[in-house]
Amino acid sequence: MTVINLSIEEAKPSIYQGLSSDTKPTGLYEGSRFTETDTGNTFTYSGTAWYQDTSNFRLMTSDPMLDISEGIVSGRKTVNKFGRAVNGVQTTKTDIWDRADATPTQQIWLAPTAARIHTIQSDSASDVSGGVGATTVVVSYLADWDTAETTETVSGDLNAGIAMNNAAVMIHRMFVTPQASSTSANVGTITATAATDTTITAQINPDEGQTQMAIYGIPSTQTLHINNFYGSINRASAAAGSLNISMVVNPNPDVQTLAFVIKNTRGLQSTGTNNDSFTFDPPFKITGPAIVKIQGVASAADLESSAGFNGVLVNN
């Protein structure tokens, strides 16, 4: 078999593939890669010689975002955050998250004032083991502002409420793992309530199975590079309505949890569904510790909106 150069450009570390019996090329840039298609073994060129990789290196593609998402690029992680305010954006600042509704229940999301144990609880008796709803919830959280995101799985009688084993300064995602008897992802509203503060840090609305909160925490050990953010008006209205969507950042949540600085605002104008997306070029850099979220302000109360942002989280 002839050795194949898979690289797009020559003037950089190259990517090759061939058989284990093929002679590997030399005189290459340091960091060049070679994959043996018959053995799966991979090698890295030092600048003078080839050395077999001891880690499970996978062949990189021409799509760097796919490589990051697949875990091929170490120290990086894709972030896709989306939120929804169900008929809930008001004429004053409203965070795009699950508790922003027409009541309104809670326009502004609140972080715990310190690392708190959270109780995960459903308001439905069907969200129990053997019921038709949920019994297991995976919680993504920050234990403190100097530690990367981790997860804890809570399982059992959610209707009674289950305390997490670990305290959290931030919960920015929860999702349900359906059980064998489930006919709905979750029948009731599932909340994560912080001890002492008694504030709700995250919420899964009925039959959604996952939080929809355009809110994300970044620890001091990482940096988030945001590629784009977006927003939409989801339902038609009798009269023309407008919506300002803003990306805001708390630059020091380890010091205070309430003050956010505006970073970009987009305007929507519609008598029906409308949407807008803004691309940062170059990506917008947010160094941790920080909290980033999307807020909306509507021209009339109870405007349903969705919004979110995408980016890459990089280890410092």
C-alpha atoms as a PDB file:
ATOM      1  CA  MET A   1       0.000   0.000   0.000  1.00  0.00           C
ATOM      2  CA  THR A   2       1.197   3.510  -0.778  1.00  0.00           C
ATOM      3  CA  VAL A   3       1.510   5.867   2.191  1.00  0.00           C
ATOM      4  CA  ILE A   4      -1.200   8.552   1.975  1.00  0.00           C
ATOM      5  CA  ASN A   5      -0.780  12.131   3.168  1.00  0.00           C
ATOM      6  CA  LEU A   6      -4.154  13.250   4.573  1.00  0.00           C
ATOM      7  CA  SER A   7      -3.045  16.806   5.360  1.00  0.00           C
ATOM      8  CA  ILE A   8      -4.582  19.790   3.602  1.00  0.00           C
ATOM      9  CA  GLU A   9      -1.308  21.767   3.603  1.00  0.00           C
ATOM     10  CA  GLU A  10       2.291  20.583   3.413  1.00  0.00           C
ATOM     11  CA  ALA A  11       3.890  23.359   5.495  1.00  0.00           C
ATOM     12  CA  LYS A  12       2.832  22.058   8.890  1.00  0.00           C
ATOM     13  CA  PRO A  13       2.806  18.822  10.925  1.00  0.00           C
ATOM     14  CA  SER A  14       1.255  16.282   8.546  1.00  0.00           C
ATOM     15  CA  ILE A  15      -1.136  13.368   8.975  1.00  0.00           C
ATOM     16  CA  TYR A  16      -0.328  10.087   7.194  1.00  0.00           C
ATOM     17  CA  GLN A  17      -1.807   6.638   7.001  1.00  0.00           C
ATOM     18  CA  GLY A  18      -0.515   3.354   5.624  1.00  0.00           C
ATOM     19  CA  LEU A  19       0.155  -0.269   6.483  1.00  0.00           C
ATOM     20  CA  SER A  20       2.440  -1.371   9.290  1.00  0.00           C
ATOM     21  CA  SER A  21       4.746  -2.820   6.608  1.00  0.00           C
ATOM     22  CA  ASP A  22       5.086   0.528   4.814  1.00  0.00           C
ATOM     23  CA  THR A  23       8.143   2.707   5.312  1.00  0.00           C
ATOM     24  CA  LYS A  24       7.164   5.816   7.209  1.00  0.00           C
ATOM     25  CA  PRO A  25       8.258   9.137   5.674  1.00  0.00           C
ATOM     26  CA  THR A  26      11.009  11.175   7.306  1.00  0.00           C
ATOM     27  CA  GLY A  27      12.219  14.771   7.223  1.00  0.00           C
ATOM     28  CA  LEU A  28       8.823  15.997   8.450  1.00  0.00           C
ATOM     29  CA  TYR A  29       7.682  18.653  10.874  1.00  0.00           C
ATOM     30  CA  GLU A  30       7.718  17.686  14.532  1.00  0.00           C
ATOM     31  CA  GLY A  31       4.269  16.528  15.624  1.00  0.00           C
ATOM     32  CA  SER A  32       3.366  14.810  12.364  1.00  0.00           C
ATOM     33  CA  ARG A  33       1.162  11.718  12.779  1.00  0.00           C
ATOM     34  CA  PHE A  34       1.026   8.282  11.186  1.00  0.00           C
ATOM     35  CA  THR A  35      -1.771   5.717  11.573  1.00  0.00           C
ATOM     36  CA  GLU A  36      -1.300   2.060  10.649  1.00  0.00           C
ATOM     37  CA  THR A  37      -4.607   1.121   9.045  1.00  0.00           C
ATOM     38  CA  ASP A  38      -4.118  -2.622   9.582  1.00  0.00           C
ATOM     39  CA  THR A  39      -3.175  -2.419  13.285  1.00  0.00           C
ATOM     40  CA  GLY A  40      -4.757   0.835  14.459  1.00  0.00           C
ATOM     41  CA  ASN A  41      -1.425   1.870  16.017  1.00  0.00           C
ATOM     42  CA  THR A  42      -0.547   5.548  15.840  1.00  0.00           C
ATOM     43  CA  PHE A  43       2.860   7.241  15.802  1.00  0.00           C
ATOM     44  CA  THR A  44       4.160  10.786  16.355  1.00  0.00           C
ATOM     45  CA  TYR A  45       7.239  12.208  14.609  1.00  0.00           C
ATOM     46  CA  SER A  46       9.733  13.894  16.957  1.00  0.00           C
ATOM     47  CA  GLY A  47      11.543  15.738  14.181  1.00  0.00           C
ATOM     48  CA  THR A  48      14.082  12.962  13.794  1.00  0.00           C
ATOM     49  CA  ALA A  49      12.234   9.681  14.448  1.00  0.00           C
ATOM     50  CA  TRP A  50       8.794   8.070  14.805  1.00  0.00           C
ATOM     51  CA  TYR A  51       7.532   7.028  18.251  1.00  0.00           C
ATOM     52  CA  GLN A  52       4.461   4.914  18.895  1.00  0.00           C
ATOM     53  CA  ASP A  53       1.723   6.666  20.866  1.00  0.00           C
ATOM     54  CA  THR A  54       0.882   5.036  24.164  1.00  0.00           C
ATOM     55  CA  SER A  55      -2.430   6.926  24.482  1.00  0.00           C
ATOM     56  CA  ASN A  56      -5.550   6.184  22.470  1.00  0.00           C
ATOM     57  CA  PHE A  57      -4.912   8.850  19.843  1.00  0.00           C
ATOM     58  CA  ARG A  58      -7.567   9.014  17.135  1.00  0.00           C
ATOM     59  CA  LEU A  59      -7.012  10.358  13.640  1.00  0.00           C
ATOM     60  CA  MET A  60      -7.890  14.053  13.439  1.00  0.00           C
ATOM     61  CA  THR A  61     -10.332  15.243  10.804  1.00  0.00           C
ATOM     62  CA  SER A  62     -10.459  18.480   8.817  1.00  0.00           C
ATOM     63  CA  ASP A  63     -13.185  19.748  11.198  1.00  0.00           C
ATOM     64  CA  PRO A  64     -11.543  21.085  14.398  1.00  0.00           C
ATOM     65  CA  MET A  65     -14.886  21.489  16.215  1.00  0.00           C
ATOM     66  CA  LEU A  66     -15.707  17.838  15.523  1.00  0.00           C
ATOM     67  CA  ASP A  67     -12.271  16.831  16.802  1.00  0.00           C
ATOM     68  CA  ILE A  68     -12.903  18.738  20.050  1.00  0.00           C
ATOM     69  CA  SER A  69     -16.395  17.286  20.415  1.00  0.00           C
ATOM     70  CA  GLU A  70     -15.005  13.778  19.864  1.00  0.00           C
ATOM     71  CA  GLY A  71     -12.372  14.326  22.542  1.00  0.00           C
ATOM     72  CA  ILE A  72      -9.464  14.022  20.113  1.00  0.00           C
ATOM     73  CA  VAL A  73      -8.083  17.421  21.173  1.00  0.00           C
ATOM     74  CA  SER A  74      -7.098  17.311  24.816  1.00  0.00           C
ATOM     75  CA  GLY A  75      -7.829  20.153  27.222  1.00  0.00           C
ATOM     76  CA  ARG A  76     -10.812  21.406  25.218  1.00  0.00           C
ATOM     77  CA  LYS A  77     -14.556  20.807  25.373  1.00  0.00           C
ATOM     78  CA  THR A  78     -17.452  22.066  23.270  1.00  0.00           C
ATOM     79  CA  VAL A  79     -20.217  23.950  25.087  1.00  0.00           C
ATOM     80  CA  ASN A  80     -23.757  24.249  23.704  1.00  0.00           C
ATOM     81  CA  LYS A  81     -26.114  26.082  26.047  1.00  0.00           C
ATOM     82  CA  PHE A  82     -29.749  26.707  25.205  1.00  0.00           C
ATOM     83  CA  GLY A  83     -32.604  28.184  27.189  1.00  0.00           C
ATOM     84  CA  ARG A  84     -36.303  28.859  26.913  1.00  0.00           C
ATOM     85  CA  ALA A  85     -38.605  31.310  28.647  1.00  0.00           C
ATOM     86  CA  VAL A  86     -42.122  29.962  28.148  1.00  0.00           C
ATOM     87  CA  ASN A  87     -44.316  33.040  27.606  1.00  0.00           C
ATOM     88  CA  GLY A  88     -42.013  34.523  30.192  1.00  0.00           C
ATOM     89  CA  VAL A  89     -39.871  37.420  28.943  1.00  0.00           C
ATOM     90  CA  GLN A  90     -41.145  40.545  30.683  1.00  0.00           C
ATOM     91  CA  THR A  91     -40.632  44.277  30.089  1.00  0.00           C
ATOM     92  CA  THR A  92     -37.753  44.194  32.577  1.00  0.00           C
ATOM     93  CA  LYS A  93     -34.651  41.997  32.519  1.00  0.00           C
ATOM     94  CA  THR A  94     -35.567  38.321  32.270  1.00  0.00           C
ATOM     95  CA  ASP A  95     -33.093  35.444  32.168  1.00  0.00           C
ATOM     96  CA  ILE A  96     -33.777  32.824  29.513  1.00  0.00           C
ATOM     97  CA  TRP A  97     -34.340  29.786  31.690  1.00  0.00           C
ATOM     98  CA  ASP A  98     -36.986  27.328  32.870  1.00  0.00           C
ATOM     99  CA  ARG A  99     -38.540  29.444  35.637  1.00  0.00           C
ATOM    100  CA  ALA A 100     -39.146  32.475  33.438  1.00  0.00           C
ATOM    101  CA  ASP A 101     -42.834  32.063  32.630  1.00  0.00           C
ATOM    102  CA  ALA A 102     -46.008  34.127  32.417  1.00  0.00           C
ATOM    103  CA  THR A 103     -46.639  34.173  36.182  1.00  0.00           C
ATOM    104  CA  PRO A 104     -43.729  35.264  36.291  1.00  0.00           C
ATOM    105  CA  THR A 105     -42.285  32.704  38.699  1.00  0.00           C
ATOM    106  CA  GLN A 106     -38.674  33.887  38.739  1.00  0.00           C
ATOM    107  CA  GLN A 107     -37.348  36.297  36.121  1.00  0.00           C
ATOM    108  CA  ILE A 108     -33.768  36.403  37.401  1.00  0.00           C
ATOM    109  CA  TRP A 109     -31.772  33.255  38.059  1.00  0.00           C
ATOM    110  CA  LEU A 110     -29.882  33.306  41.365  1.00  0.00           C
ATOM    111  CA  ALA A 111     -26.651  31.495  42.144  1.00  0.00           C
ATOM    112  CA  PRO A 112     -26.153  30.048  45.631  1.00  0.00           C
ATOM    113  CA  THR A 113     -24.469  32.557  47.937  1.00  0.00           C
ATOM    114  CA  ALA A 114     -21.913  29.867  48.840  1.00  0.00           C
ATOM    115  CA  ALA A 115     -21.336  26.185  48.092  1.00  0.00           C
ATOM    116  CA  ARG A 116     -24.636  24.568  49.076  1.00  0.00           C
ATOM    117  CA  ILE A 117     -26.093  21.091  49.240  1.00  0.00           C
ATOM    118  CA  HIS A 118     -29.042  20.980  46.832  1.00  0.00           C
ATOM    119  CA  THR A 119     -32.185  18.903  47.168  1.00  0.00           C
ATOM    120  CA  ILE A 120     -33.451  17.436  43.911  1.00  0.00           C
ATOM    121  CA  GLN A 121     -37.230  17.116  44.119  1.00  0.00           C
ATOM    122  CA  SER A 122     -40.287  16.594  41.904  1.00  0.00           C
ATOM    123  CA  ASP A 123     -43.786  17.819  42.678  1.00  0.00           C
ATOM    124  CA  SER A 124     -45.303  14.648  41.153  1.00  0.00           C
ATOM    125  CA  ALA A 125     -45.879  11.294  42.865  1.00  0.00           C
ATOM    126  CA  SER A 126     -45.232   9.670  39.463  1.00  0.00           C
ATOM    127  CA  ASP A 127     -41.528  10.586  39.585  1.00  0.00           C
ATOM    128  CA  VAL A 128     -40.553   7.630  41.766  1.00  0.00           C
ATOM    129  CA  SER A 129     -39.017   4.196  41.219  1.00  0.00           C
ATOM    130  CA  GLY A 130     -41.487   2.085  39.249  1.00  0.00           C
ATOM    131  CA  GLY A 131     -43.579   5.132  38.328  1.00  0.00           C
ATOM    132  CA  VAL A 132     -44.309   6.472  34.850  1.00  0.00           C
ATOM    133  CA  GLY A 133     -41.978   9.439  35.312  1.00  0.00           C
ATOM    134  CA  ALA A 134     -38.395  10.044  36.401  1.00  0.00           C
ATOM    135  CA  THR A 135     -36.365   8.480  39.176  1.00  0.00           C
ATOM    136  CA  THR A 136     -32.813   9.407  38.102  1.00  0.00           C
ATOM    137  CA  VAL A 137     -31.380  12.885  37.493  1.00  0.00           C
ATOM    138  CA  VAL A 138     -27.804  13.694  36.431  1.00  0.00           C
ATOM    139  CA  VAL A 139     -26.631  17.051  37.793  1.00  0.00           C
ATOM    140  CA  SER A 140     -23.747  19.008  36.197  1.00  0.00           C
ATOM    141  CA  TYR A 141     -22.237  21.415  38.714  1.00  0.00           C
ATOM    142  CA  LEU A 142     -19.205  23.326  39.988  1.00  0.00           C
ATOM    143  CA  ALA A 143     -18.143  22.365  43.500  1.00  0.00           C
ATOM    144  CA  ASP A 144     -16.280  25.667  43.827  1.00  0.00           C
ATOM    145  CA  TRP A 145     -14.937  28.398  41.560  1.00  0.00           C
ATOM    146  CA  ASP A 146     -11.522  26.751  41.217  1.00  0.00           C
ATOM    147  CA  THR A 147     -12.625  23.273  40.112  1.00  0.00           C
ATOM    148  CA  ALA A 148     -13.854  22.085  36.715  1.00  0.00           C
ATOM    149  CA  GLU A 149     -17.400  20.845  36.165  1.00  0.00           C
ATOM    150  CA  THR A 150     -18.314  17.431  37.497  1.00  0.00           C
ATOM    151  CA  THR A 151     -21.526  15.421  37.713  1.00  0.00           C
ATOM    152  CA  GLU A 152     -23.515  13.635  40.374  1.00  0.00           C
ATOM    153  CA  THR A 153     -26.327  11.168  39.723  1.00  0.00           C
ATOM    154  CA  VAL A 154     -29.303  11.339  42.062  1.00  0.00           C
ATOM    155  CA  SER A 155     -31.696   8.397  42.023  1.00  0.00           C
ATOM    156  CA  GLY A 156     -34.703   7.308  44.072  1.00  0.00           C
ATOM    157  CA  ASP A 157     -37.952   8.842  45.272  1.00  0.00           C
ATOM    158  CA  LEU A 158     -37.770  12.266  43.644  1.00  0.00           C
ATOM    159  CA  ASN A 159     -41.202  13.193  44.956  1.00  0.00           C
ATOM    160  CA  ALA A 160     -39.869  12.952  48.516  1.00  0.00           C
ATOM    161  CA  GLY A 161     -36.704  14.837  47.544  1.00  0.00           C
ATOM    162  CA  ILE A 162     -33.092  13.642  47.564  1.00  0.00           C
ATOM    163  CA  ALA A 163     -30.165  15.686  48.882  1.00  0.00           C
ATOM    164  CA  MET A 164     -27.019  15.679  46.762  1.00  0.00           C
ATOM    165  CA  ASN A 165     -23.888  14.293  48.397  1.00  0.00           C
ATOM    166  CA  ASN A 166     -21.779  17.233  47.253  1.00  0.00           C
ATOM    167  CA  ALA A 167     -22.185  20.988  47.638  1.00  0.00           C
ATOM    168  CA  ALA A 168     -22.302  23.238  44.564  1.00  0.00           C
ATOM    169  CA  VAL A 169     -21.709  26.921  43.859  1.00  0.00           C
ATOM    170  CA  MET A 170     -23.260  26.461  40.412  1.00  0.00           C
ATOM    171  CA  ILE A 171     -25.652  24.046  38.716  1.00  0.00           C
ATOM    172  CA  HIS A 172     -25.999  24.770  35.028  1.00  0.00           C
ATOM    173  CA  ARG A 173     -27.508  21.539  33.694  1.00  0.00           C
ATOM    174  CA  MET A 174     -29.715  18.661  34.835  1.00  0.00           C
ATOM    175  CA  PHE A 175     -31.141  15.851  32.754  1.00  0.00           C
ATOM    176  CA  VAL A 176     -33.268  12.779  33.368  1.00  0.00           C
ATOM    177  CA  THR A 177     -32.363   9.162  32.646  1.00  0.00           C
ATOM    178  CA  PRO A 178     -35.747   7.467  31.962  1.00  0.00           C
ATOM    179  CA  GLN A 179     -36.522   4.211  33.766  1.00  0.00           C
ATOM    180  CA  ALA A 180     -38.048   1.077  32.209  1.00  0.00           C
ATOM    181  CA  SER A 181     -41.568   2.069  33.337  1.00  0.00           C
ATOM    182  CA  SER A 182     -41.349   5.684  32.117  1.00  0.00           C
ATOM    183  CA  THR A 183     -44.003   6.949  29.721  1.00  0.00           C
ATOM    184  CA  SER A 184     -42.827  10.536  30.248  1.00  0.00           C
ATOM    185  CA  ALA A 185     -39.320  11.862  30.806  1.00  0.00           C
ATOM    186  CA  ASN A 186     -40.613  13.491  33.981  1.00  0.00           C
ATOM    187  CA  VAL A 187     -44.223  14.019  35.033  1.00  0.00           C
ATOM    188  CA  GLY A 188     -43.657  16.801  37.528  1.00  0.00           C
ATOM    189  CA  THR A 189     -41.473  19.877  37.820  1.00  0.00           C
ATOM    190  CA  ILE A 190     -38.037  18.861  39.131  1.00  0.00           C
ATOM    191  CA  THR A 191     -36.104  21.494  41.055  1.00  0.00           C
ATOM    192  CA  ALA A 192     -32.647  21.814  42.609  1.00  0.00           C
ATOM    193  CA  THR A 193     -33.068  23.877  45.787  1.00  0.00           C
ATOM    194  CA  ALA A 194     -30.060  25.249  47.666  1.00  0.00           C
ATOM    195  CA  ALA A 195     -29.894  24.649  51.402  1.00  0.00           C
ATOM    196  CA  THR A 196     -29.875  27.792  53.604  1.00  0.00           C
ATOM    197  CA  ASP A 197     -30.538  30.092  50.607  1.00  0.00           C
ATOM    198  CA  THR A 198     -33.736  28.139  49.702  1.00  0.00           C
ATOM    199  CA  THR A 199     -33.326  29.438  46.141  1.00  0.00           C
ATOM    200  CA  ILE A 200     -33.862  27.249  43.089  1.00  0.00           C
ATOM    201  CA  THR A 201     -30.648  26.936  41.079  1.00  0.00           C
ATOM    202  CA  ALA A 202     -32.003  24.739  38.266  1.00  0.00           C
ATOM    203  CA  GLN A 203     -35.348  23.349  37.130  1.00  0.00           C
ATOM    204  CA  ILE A 204     -36.648  20.742  34.673  1.00  0.00           C
ATOM    205  CA  ASN A 205     -40.162  21.502  33.469  1.00  0.00           C
ATOM    206  CA  PRO A 206     -42.707  18.650  33.068  1.00  0.00           C
ATOM    207  CA  ASP A 207     -42.066  16.168  30.237  1.00  0.00           C
ATOM    208  CA  GLU A 208     -38.911  17.960  29.059  1.00  0.00           C
ATOM    209  CA  GLY A 209     -36.292  15.719  30.653  1.00  0.00           C
ATOM    210  CA  GLN A 210     -33.616  18.424  30.761  1.00  0.00           C
ATOM    211  CA  THR A 211     -33.066  21.965  31.910  1.00  0.00           C
ATOM    212  CA  GLN A 212     -33.337  24.713  29.313  1.00  0.00           C
ATOM    213  CA  MET A 213     -31.198  27.424  30.881  1.00  0.00           C
ATOM    214  CA  ALA A 214     -28.933  29.700  28.846  1.00  0.00           C
ATOM    215  CA  ILE A 215     -26.640  30.064  31.857  1.00  0.00           C
ATOM    216  CA  TYR A 216     -23.137  28.644  32.351  1.00  0.00           C
ATOM    217  CA  GLY A 217     -20.443  28.776  35.020  1.00  0.00           C
ATOM    218  CA  ILE A 218     -16.709  28.888  34.236  1.00  0.00           C
ATOM    219  CA  PRO A 219     -14.141  28.009  36.941  1.00  0.00           C
ATOM    220  CA  SER A 220     -10.846  29.873  37.380  1.00  0.00           C
ATOM    221  CA  THR A 221      -8.966  26.945  35.803  1.00  0.00           C
ATOM    222  CA  GLN A 222     -10.698  27.347  32.433  1.00  0.00           C
ATOM    223  CA  THR A 223     -11.560  29.896  29.736  1.00  0.00           C
ATOM    224  CA  LEU A 224     -14.678  29.905  27.546  1.00  0.00           C
ATOM    225  CA  HIS A 225     -14.376  31.070  23.936  1.00  0.00           C
ATOM    226  CA  ILE A 226     -17.885  31.852  22.659  1.00  0.00           C
ATOM    227  CA  ASN A 227     -18.388  31.414  18.914  1.00  0.00           C
ATOM    228  CA  ASN A 228     -21.938  32.725  18.696  1.00  0.00           C
ATOM    229  CA  PHE A 229     -25.132  33.497  20.559  1.00  0.00           C
ATOM    230  CA  TYR A 230     -28.704  33.564  19.331  1.00  0.00           C
ATOM    231  CA  GLY A 231     -32.282  34.350  20.265  1.00  0.00           C
ATOM    232  CA  SER A 232     -35.798  34.015  18.908  1.00  0.00           C
ATOM    233  CA  ILE A 233     -39.399  35.045  19.438  1.00  0.00           C
ATOM    234  CA  ASN A 234     -41.245  31.738  19.398  1.00  0.00           C
ATOM    235  CA  ARG A 235     -44.932  32.554  18.950  1.00  0.00           C
ATOM    236  CA  ALA A 236     -47.010  34.897  16.870  1.00  0.00           C
ATOM    237  CA  SER A 237     -48.581  37.859  18.645  1.00  0.00           C
ATOM    238  CA  ALA A 238     -51.583  39.984  17.795  1.00  0.00           C
ATOM    239  CA  ALA A 239     -49.479  43.117  17.503  1.00  0.00           C
ATOM    240  CA  ALA A 240     -45.874  43.754  16.576  1.00  0.00           C
ATOM    241  CA  GLY A 241     -43.558  43.056  19.468  1.00  0.00           C
ATOM    242  CA  SER A 242     -39.870  43.588  20.032  1.00  0.00           C
ATOM    243  CA  LEU A 243     -37.279  41.755  22.068  1.00  0.00           C
ATOM    244  CA  ASN A 244     -33.746  42.727  23.019  1.00  0.00           C
ATOM    245  CA  ILE A 245     -31.503  39.725  23.679  1.00  0.00           C
ATOM    246  CA  SER A 246     -28.272  40.392  25.599  1.00  0.00           C
ATOM    247  CA  MET A 247     -25.286  38.296  26.565  1.00  0.00           C
ATOM    248  CA  VAL A 248     -24.173  39.281  30.070  1.00  0.00           C
ATOM    249  CA  VAL A 249     -21.246  38.156  32.223  1.00  0.00           C
ATOM    250  CA  ASN A 250     -20.527  38.111  35.943  1.00  0.00           C
ATOM    251  CA  PRO A 251     -16.712  38.481  35.973  1.00  0.00           C
ATOM    252  CA  ASN A 252     -16.153  37.567  39.637  1.00  0.00           C
ATOM    253  CA  PRO A 253     -18.819  35.195  41.033  1.00  0.00           C
ATOM    254  CA  ASP A 254     -16.337  34.134  43.725  1.00  0.00           C
ATOM    255  CA  VAL A 255     -16.729  37.660  45.138  1.00  0.00           C
ATOM    256  CA  GLN A 256     -20.384  38.492  44.362  1.00  0.00           C
ATOM    257  CA  THR A 257     -23.282  36.710  42.637  1.00  0.00           C
ATOM    258  CA  LEU A 258     -25.647  39.465  41.494  1.00  0.00           C
ATOM    259  CA  ALA A 259     -23.804  41.953  39.238  1.00  0.00           C
ATOM    260  CA  PHE A 260     -23.541  41.214  35.495  1.00  0.00           C
ATOM    261  CA  VAL A 261     -21.856  43.242  32.741  1.00  0.00           C
ATOM    262  CA  ILE A 262     -23.459  43.463  29.302  1.00  0.00           C
ATOM    263  CA  LYS A 263     -21.297  42.217  26.412  1.00  0.00           C
ATOM    264  CA  ASN A 264     -23.580  42.267  23.370  1.00  0.00           C
ATOM    265  CA  THR A 265     -27.220  42.997  22.510  1.00  0.00           C
ATOM    266  CA  ARG A 266     -29.322  41.968  19.527  1.00  0.00           C
ATOM    267  CA  GLY A 267     -32.800  43.192  18.635  1.00  0.00           C
ATOM    268  CA  LEU A 268     -35.759  41.198  17.303  1.00  0.00           C
ATOM    269  CA  GLN A 269     -38.893  42.702  15.802  1.00  0.00           C
ATOM    270  CA  SER A 270     -41.780  40.484  14.831  1.00  0.00           C
ATOM    271  CA  THR A 271     -45.520  39.899  14.596  1.00  0.00           C
ATOM    272  CA  GLY A 272     -44.720  36.170  14.455  1.00  0.00           C
ATOM    273  CA  THR A 273     -41.695  33.933  14.834  1.00  0.00           C
ATOM    274  CA  ASN A 274     -38.343  35.651  14.386  1.00  0.00           C
ATOM    275  CA  ASN A 275     -34.760  34.771  15.216  1.00  0.00           C
ATOM    276  CA  ASP A 276     -31.270  36.196  15.100  1.00  0.00           C
ATOM    277  CA  SER A 277     -27.755  34.800  15.529  1.00  0.00           C
ATOM    278  CA  PHE A 278     -24.527  36.728  16.043  1.00  0.00           C
ATOM    279  CA  THR A 279     -21.093  35.249  15.344  1.00  0.00           C
ATOM    280  CA  PHE A 280     -18.035  36.452  17.249  1.00  0.00           C
ATOM    281  CA  ASP A 281     -15.010  36.633  14.955  1.00  0.00           C
ATOM    282  CA  PRO A 282     -12.615  36.108  16.632  1.00  0.00           C
ATOM    283  CA  PRO A 283     -14.413  34.165  19.401  1.00  0.00           C
ATOM    284  CA  PHE A 284     -15.352  36.123  22.510  1.00  0.00           C
ATOM    285  CA  LYS A 285     -13.047  35.164  25.397  1.00  0.00           C
ATOM    286  CA  ILE A 286     -14.361  34.839  28.958  1.00  0.00           C
ATOM    287  CA  THR A 287     -11.768  33.953  31.587  1.00  0.00           C
ATOM    288  CA  GLY A 288     -12.993  32.150  34.693  1.00  0.00           C
ATOM    289  CA  PRO A 289     -14.215  32.465  37.278  1.00  0.00           C
ATOM    290  CA  ALA A 290     -17.294  33.821  35.551  1.00  0.00           C
ATOM    291  CA  ILE A 291     -20.961  33.222  34.825  1.00  0.00           C
ATOM    292  CA  VAL A 292     -22.347  33.915  31.365  1.00  0.00           C
ATOM    293  CA  LYS A 293     -26.064  34.044  30.614  1.00  0.00           C
ATOM    294  CA  ILE A 294     -28.590  35.360  28.106  1.00  0.00           C
ATOM    295  CA  GLN A 295     -31.215  37.925  29.140  1.00  0.00           C
ATOM    296  CA  GLY A 296     -34.192  39.385  27.332  1.00  0.00           C
ATOM    297  CA  VAL A 297     -36.282  42.538  27.649  1.00  0.00           C
ATOM    298  CA  ALA A 298     -39.594  42.561  25.761  1.00  0.00           C
ATOM    299  CA  SER A 299     -41.800  45.430  24.587  1.00  0.00           C
ATOM    300  CA  ALA A 300     -44.808  43.667  26.150  1.00  0.00           C
ATOM    301  CA  ALA A 301     -45.096  41.134  28.967  1.00  0.00           C
ATOM    302  CA  ASP A 302     -45.157  37.362  28.535  1.00  0.00           C
ATOM    303  CA  LEU A 303     -43.235  37.036  25.270  1.00  0.00           C
ATOM    304  CA  GLU A 304     -42.021  33.488  24.671  1.00  0.00           C
ATOM    305  CA  SER A 305     -38.367  33.314  23.716  1.00  0.00           C
ATOM    306  CA  SER A 306     -35.544  30.852  23.206  1.00  0.00           C
ATOM    307  CA  ALA A 307     -31.849  31.757  23.289  1.00  0.00           C
ATOM    308  CA  GLY A 308     -28.437  30.236  23.761  1.00  0.00           C
ATOM    309  CA  PHE A 309     -24.732  30.273  22.933  1.00  0.00           C
ATOM    310  CA  ASN A 310     -22.015  27.941  21.659  1.00  0.00           C
ATOM    311  CA  GLY A 311     -18.317  27.853  22.332  1.00  0.00           C
ATOM    312  CA  VAL A 312     -15.212  25.972  23.381  1.00  0.00           C
ATOM    313  CA  LEU A 313     -14.074  25.564  26.983  1.00  0.00           C
ATOM    314  CA  VAL A 314     -10.255  25.483  27.275  1.00  0.00           C
ATOM    315  CA  ASN A 315      -8.127  24.391  30.211  1.00  0.00           C
ATOM    316  CA  ASN A 316      -5.777  27.200  31.270  1.00  0.00           C
END
